């Protein structure tokens, strides 16, 4: 049986957190999601976990938010897509990170692109983590329904703080202090 603990042997995916999409989300909830995503991006860098960024139809929906782009390592792949699921993007499938046993997803919208990417990753045999406090939809009912569907499908529903600490596994990890600072 697979461990239900996220490891550094994963790929973390930032799904479609774009300027025009974010502008139609509930403002207070979006601010919380952005704060949590910023923490996740910083943690991925500190732990050397590969990041993958997607942008749904960026010509119409804009680029990834500038406050998130500034936290991405230069080498982070950013993939424009038209399909809702990011999982079958050729660039992702051709990348060495496609063999990672775990996939950690955060972004928007929970009930469309996050949901379809997660279901496709599950079908490909991946262990999928959904960072519940780092996903959003325009309508809270749609977001909640997506979380229920994802849980029922076999995804592990988690939160930002768990994702900061699980890959370290102990307070003796070299990045413990740096990661702890992200939640203060």
Foldseek 3Di string as FASTA:
>chain_A
DDDPFDALLEEEEAEAQFDQQLVLADVVLSVQLVLLVLLVLQLCVVSVRAYEYEHEPCVPGNDHDPVNVVSHDPPHHYYYDPALAPLPPPVCVPDPSNPRQEYEYAYDDLLTNVLVNLLVNVVVRHAYEYALSNHHDRDVVSNVVSVVVSVVSHHHYHHSVSSSPRNQVDCVRPCNVVSVVSVD
